[in-house]
């Protein structure tokens, strides 16, 4: 996992707020889940980047998106289903091999 500042074509985007206990919990679980995975993630504080919130039609926090070639192919909001995320990542990352 690499936490990045800019956008890339294939990446996870985590939209969160500072005053959200669920965001804190899901961010921590997501960071643990991604420790051994070769994937970029950008953590977006909604209050600091409202244009991204609008661009990706994010209405709740936390929201997790996976972008492939710049296009959204996966979305989870609230409590993330990590089994579903694992299956999606395995499928997407194996397609590149």
N, C-alpha and C. Protein backbone atom coordinates (compact mmCIF):
# COMPACT_ATOMS: atom_id res chain seq x y z
N UNK A 1 0.85 -1.18 0.00
CA UNK A 1 0.00 0.00 0.00
C UNK A 1 0.89 1.23 0.00
N UNK A 2 0.55 2.18 -0.84
CA UNK A 2 1.23 3.47 -0.86
C UNK A 2 0.17 4.56 -0.71
N UNK A 3 0.31 5.39 0.30
CA UNK A 3 -0.59 6.54 0.45
C UNK A 3 -0.02 7.66 -0.41
N UNK A 4 -0.82 8.15 -1.34
CA UNK A 4 -0.33 9.14 -2.29
C UNK A 4 -1.12 10.44 -2.17
N UNK A 5 -0.53 11.51 -2.68
CA UNK A 5 -1.15 12.84 -2.62
C UNK A 5 -1.92 13.17 -3.90
N UNK A 6 -1.50 12.59 -5.02
CA UNK A 6 -2.09 12.91 -6.32
C UNK A 6 -2.96 11.77 -6.80
N UNK A 7 -3.59 11.97 -7.91
CA UNK A 7 -4.43 10.94 -8.52
C UNK A 7 -3.58 10.07 -9.43
N UNK A 8 -3.94 8.79 -9.51
CA UNK A 8 -3.32 7.90 -10.49
C UNK A 8 -4.44 7.12 -11.17
N UNK A 9 -4.12 6.43 -12.25
CA UNK A 9 -5.16 5.74 -13.03
C UNK A 9 -5.79 4.58 -12.28
N UNK A 10 -4.99 3.83 -11.53
CA UNK A 10 -5.48 2.66 -10.80
C UNK A 10 -5.21 2.87 -9.32
N UNK A 11 -6.26 3.15 -8.58
CA UNK A 11 -6.07 3.48 -7.17
C UNK A 11 -7.36 3.36 -6.38
N UNK A 12 -7.20 3.31 -5.07
CA UNK A 12 -8.33 3.42 -4.15
C UNK A 12 -8.44 4.87 -3.70
N UNK A 13 -9.64 5.35 -3.58
CA UNK A 13 -9.92 6.67 -3.02
C UNK A 13 -10.79 6.46 -1.79
N UNK A 14 -10.33 6.93 -0.65
CA UNK A 14 -11.11 6.85 0.58
C UNK A 14 -11.55 8.25 0.96
N UNK A 15 -12.85 8.49 0.91
CA UNK A 15 -13.43 9.77 1.32
C UNK A 15 -13.85 9.64 2.77
N UNK A 16 -13.42 10.60 3.60
CA UNK A 16 -13.72 10.56 5.02
C UNK A 16 -13.83 11.97 5.58
N UNK A 17 -14.31 12.04 6.83
CA UNK A 17 -14.34 13.31 7.55
C UNK A 17 -13.60 13.13 8.86
N UNK A 18 -13.20 14.25 9.44
CA UNK A 18 -12.45 14.19 10.70
C UNK A 18 -13.33 13.88 11.90
N UNK A 19 -14.61 14.18 11.82
CA UNK A 19 -15.50 14.03 12.97
C UNK A 19 -16.36 12.77 12.88
N UNK A 20 -15.83 11.73 12.25
CA UNK A 20 -16.62 10.53 11.98
C UNK A 20 -15.93 9.31 12.60
N UNK A 21 -16.53 8.75 13.64
CA UNK A 21 -15.95 7.58 14.31
C UNK A 21 -15.89 6.37 13.37
N UNK A 22 -16.91 6.20 12.54
CA UNK A 22 -16.89 5.08 11.59
C UNK A 22 -15.75 5.27 10.58
N UNK A 23 -15.51 6.52 10.17
CA UNK A 23 -14.40 6.81 9.25
C UNK A 23 -13.07 6.40 9.88
N UNK A 24 -12.88 6.75 11.15
CA UNK A 24 -11.64 6.38 11.84
C UNK A 24 -11.47 4.87 11.88
N UNK A 25 -12.52 4.16 12.25
CA UNK A 25 -12.46 2.71 12.36
C UNK A 25 -12.20 2.07 10.99
N UNK A 26 -12.92 2.51 9.96
CA UNK A 26 -12.77 1.90 8.64
C UNK A 26 -11.41 2.26 8.02
N UNK A 27 -10.89 3.45 8.29
CA UNK A 27 -9.56 3.82 7.80
C UNK A 27 -8.51 2.91 8.41
N UNK A 28 -8.60 2.68 9.71
CA UNK A 28 -7.64 1.80 10.39
C UNK A 28 -7.73 0.38 9.85
N UNK A 29 -8.94 -0.15 9.70
CA UNK A 29 -9.12 -1.50 9.16
C UNK A 29 -8.61 -1.58 7.72
N UNK A 30 -8.87 -0.56 6.94
CA UNK A 30 -8.43 -0.55 5.54
C UNK A 30 -6.90 -0.52 5.45
N UNK A 31 -6.25 0.30 6.27
CA UNK A 31 -4.79 0.36 6.27
C UNK A 31 -4.20 -1.00 6.64
N UNK A 32 -4.77 -1.68 7.62
CA UNK A 32 -4.30 -3.02 7.99
C UNK A 32 -4.54 -4.00 6.85
N UNK A 33 -5.70 -3.95 6.25
CA UNK A 33 -6.06 -4.83 5.14
C UNK A 33 -5.11 -4.67 3.95
N UNK A 34 -4.67 -3.43 3.69
CA UNK A 34 -3.85 -3.14 2.51
C UNK A 34 -2.35 -3.23 2.76
N UNK A 35 -1.92 -3.53 4.00
CA UNK A 35 -0.50 -3.52 4.34
C UNK A 35 0.38 -4.26 3.35
N UNK A 36 -0.03 -5.44 2.94
CA UNK A 36 0.81 -6.28 2.08
C UNK A 36 0.39 -6.24 0.61
N UNK A 37 -0.41 -5.26 0.24
CA UNK A 37 -0.89 -5.18 -1.14
C UNK A 37 -0.19 -4.03 -1.87
N UNK A 38 0.11 -4.27 -3.13
CA UNK A 38 0.79 -3.28 -3.97
C UNK A 38 -0.26 -2.42 -4.67
N UNK A 39 -0.77 -1.45 -3.94
CA UNK A 39 -1.85 -0.62 -4.47
C UNK A 39 -1.73 0.80 -3.91
N UNK A 40 -2.08 1.77 -4.73
CA UNK A 40 -2.08 3.17 -4.30
C UNK A 40 -3.41 3.49 -3.66
N UNK A 41 -3.35 4.31 -2.62
CA UNK A 41 -4.58 4.80 -1.99
C UNK A 41 -4.40 6.29 -1.71
N UNK A 42 -5.46 7.03 -1.94
CA UNK A 42 -5.47 8.45 -1.58
C UNK A 42 -6.60 8.64 -0.59
N UNK A 43 -6.26 9.23 0.55
CA UNK A 43 -7.25 9.52 1.58
C UNK A 43 -7.68 10.97 1.40
N UNK A 44 -8.96 11.15 1.15
CA UNK A 44 -9.51 12.47 0.85
C UNK A 44 -10.35 12.95 2.03
N UNK A 45 -9.92 14.06 2.64
CA UNK A 45 -10.72 14.71 3.67
C UNK A 45 -11.77 15.55 2.93
N UNK A 46 -13.01 15.18 3.07
CA UNK A 46 -14.10 15.81 2.31
C UNK A 46 -14.13 17.32 2.51
N UNK A 47 -13.91 17.79 3.73
CA UNK A 47 -13.97 19.23 4.00
C UNK A 47 -12.86 19.99 3.30
N UNK A 48 -11.74 19.32 3.01
CA UNK A 48 -10.60 19.98 2.37
C UNK A 48 -10.66 19.91 0.85
N UNK A 49 -11.43 18.96 0.31
CA UNK A 49 -11.49 18.79 -1.15
C UNK A 49 -12.92 18.55 -1.62
N UNK A 50 -13.79 19.56 -1.44
CA UNK A 50 -15.20 19.38 -1.82
C UNK A 50 -15.39 19.14 -3.32
N UNK A 51 -14.47 19.59 -4.16
CA UNK A 51 -14.62 19.37 -5.60
C UNK A 51 -14.53 17.88 -5.93
N UNK A 52 -13.64 17.15 -5.26
CA UNK A 52 -13.54 15.70 -5.49
C UNK A 52 -14.81 14.99 -5.03
N UNK A 53 -15.36 15.46 -3.91
CA UNK A 53 -16.63 14.90 -3.41
C UNK A 53 -17.70 15.02 -4.48
N UNK A 54 -17.79 16.18 -5.10
CA UNK A 54 -18.77 16.40 -6.16
C UNK A 54 -18.46 15.62 -7.42
N UNK A 55 -17.20 15.57 -7.80
CA UNK A 55 -16.79 14.87 -9.01
C UNK A 55 -17.15 13.39 -8.95
N UNK A 56 -16.98 12.78 -7.77
CA UNK A 56 -17.24 11.35 -7.62
C UNK A 56 -18.59 11.05 -6.96
N UNK A 57 -19.43 12.08 -6.82
CA UNK A 57 -20.79 11.91 -6.28
C UNK A 57 -20.78 11.16 -4.95
N UNK A 58 -19.98 11.66 -4.03
CA UNK A 58 -19.89 11.08 -2.69
C UNK A 58 -20.88 11.81 -1.79
N UNK A 59 -21.81 11.05 -1.21
CA UNK A 59 -22.86 11.64 -0.39
C UNK A 59 -22.76 11.27 1.08
N UNK A 60 -21.87 10.33 1.42
CA UNK A 60 -21.73 9.89 2.80
C UNK A 60 -20.27 9.53 3.06
N UNK A 61 -19.93 9.52 4.32
CA UNK A 61 -18.57 9.14 4.71
C UNK A 61 -18.65 8.04 5.76
N UNK A 62 -17.76 7.08 5.67
CA UNK A 62 -16.70 6.94 4.66
C UNK A 62 -17.24 6.32 3.37
N UNK A 63 -16.60 6.67 2.28
CA UNK A 63 -16.88 6.05 0.98
C UNK A 63 -15.55 5.64 0.37
N UNK A 64 -15.50 4.42 -0.15
CA UNK A 64 -14.30 3.88 -0.77
C UNK A 64 -14.58 3.60 -2.24
N UNK A 65 -13.73 4.12 -3.11
CA UNK A 65 -13.84 3.88 -4.55
C UNK A 65 -12.57 3.21 -5.05
N UNK A 66 -12.71 2.35 -6.06
CA UNK A 66 -11.54 1.85 -6.78
C UNK A 66 -11.65 2.35 -8.20
N UNK A 67 -10.60 3.03 -8.66
CA UNK A 67 -10.56 3.55 -10.02
C UNK A 67 -9.61 2.70 -10.85
N UNK A 68 -10.08 2.27 -12.01
CA UNK A 68 -9.26 1.53 -12.96
C UNK A 68 -9.24 2.34 -14.25
N UNK A 69 -8.05 2.69 -14.69
CA UNK A 69 -7.89 3.56 -15.87
C UNK A 69 -8.71 4.84 -15.70
N UNK A 70 -8.77 5.32 -14.46
CA UNK A 70 -9.46 6.56 -14.16
C UNK A 70 -10.97 6.45 -14.03
N UNK A 71 -11.53 5.26 -14.25
CA UNK A 71 -12.97 5.05 -14.18
C UNK A 71 -13.34 4.25 -12.92
N UNK A 72 -14.43 4.63 -12.28
CA UNK A 72 -14.88 3.92 -11.09
C UNK A 72 -15.37 2.52 -11.44
N UNK A 73 -14.83 1.50 -10.74
CA UNK A 73 -15.28 0.12 -10.95
C UNK A 73 -15.77 -0.52 -9.66
N UNK A 74 -15.63 0.18 -8.53
CA UNK A 74 -16.03 -0.38 -7.24
C UNK A 74 -16.37 0.76 -6.31
N UNK A 75 -17.42 0.56 -5.49
CA UNK A 75 -17.82 1.57 -4.49
C UNK A 75 -18.40 0.86 -3.28
N UNK A 76 -17.97 1.29 -2.11
CA UNK A 76 -18.53 0.84 -0.83
C UNK A 76 -18.69 2.08 0.03
N UNK A 77 -19.74 2.13 0.82
CA UNK A 77 -19.95 3.26 1.73
C UNK A 77 -20.37 2.73 3.09
N UNK A 78 -20.02 3.49 4.12
CA UNK A 78 -20.37 3.08 5.49
C UNK A 78 -19.43 1.99 5.97
N UNK A 79 -19.98 0.86 6.37
CA UNK A 79 -19.17 -0.28 6.79
C UNK A 79 -18.77 -1.06 5.55
N UNK A 80 -17.46 -1.15 5.29
CA UNK A 80 -16.97 -1.82 4.09
C UNK A 80 -17.00 -3.33 4.24
N UNK A 81 -17.36 -4.01 3.17
CA UNK A 81 -17.31 -5.47 3.09
C UNK A 81 -15.92 -5.84 2.57
N UNK A 82 -15.02 -6.22 3.49
CA UNK A 82 -13.64 -6.48 3.11
C UNK A 82 -13.49 -7.76 2.28
N UNK A 83 -14.41 -8.72 2.42
CA UNK A 83 -14.38 -9.90 1.56
C UNK A 83 -14.68 -9.51 0.11
N UNK A 84 -15.65 -8.65 -0.07
CA UNK A 84 -15.99 -8.15 -1.40
C UNK A 84 -14.83 -7.35 -1.99
N UNK A 85 -14.20 -6.52 -1.16
CA UNK A 85 -13.06 -5.73 -1.60
C UNK A 85 -11.90 -6.64 -2.00
N UNK A 86 -11.64 -7.68 -1.21
CA UNK A 86 -10.56 -8.63 -1.51
C UNK A 86 -10.80 -9.31 -2.86
N UNK A 87 -12.01 -9.78 -3.10
CA UNK A 87 -12.33 -10.44 -4.37
C UNK A 87 -12.16 -9.48 -5.55
N UNK A 88 -12.63 -8.26 -5.39
CA UNK A 88 -12.50 -7.28 -6.47
C UNK A 88 -11.04 -6.98 -6.76
N UNK A 89 -10.23 -6.75 -5.72
CA UNK A 89 -8.82 -6.44 -5.92
C UNK A 89 -8.07 -7.60 -6.56
N UNK A 90 -8.35 -8.82 -6.09
CA UNK A 90 -7.71 -9.99 -6.70
C UNK A 90 -8.03 -10.06 -8.18
N UNK A 91 -9.28 -9.86 -8.52
CA UNK A 91 -9.71 -9.90 -9.92
C UNK A 91 -9.04 -8.80 -10.73
N UNK A 92 -9.05 -7.58 -10.23
CA UNK A 92 -8.49 -6.44 -10.96
C UNK A 92 -6.97 -6.55 -11.09
N UNK A 93 -6.29 -6.93 -10.00
CA UNK A 93 -4.83 -6.99 -10.03
C UNK A 93 -4.34 -8.18 -10.86
N UNK A 94 -5.10 -9.27 -10.88
CA UNK A 94 -4.72 -10.43 -11.70
C UNK A 94 -4.92 -10.18 -13.18
N UNK A 95 -5.84 -9.29 -13.54
CA UNK A 95 -6.05 -8.96 -14.95
C UNK A 95 -4.84 -8.26 -15.55
N UNK A 96 -4.06 -7.61 -14.69
CA UNK A 96 -2.86 -6.91 -15.17
C UNK A 96 -1.69 -7.84 -15.42
N UNK A 97 -1.78 -9.10 -14.96
CA UNK A 97 -0.67 -10.05 -15.14
C UNK A 97 -0.80 -10.82 -16.43
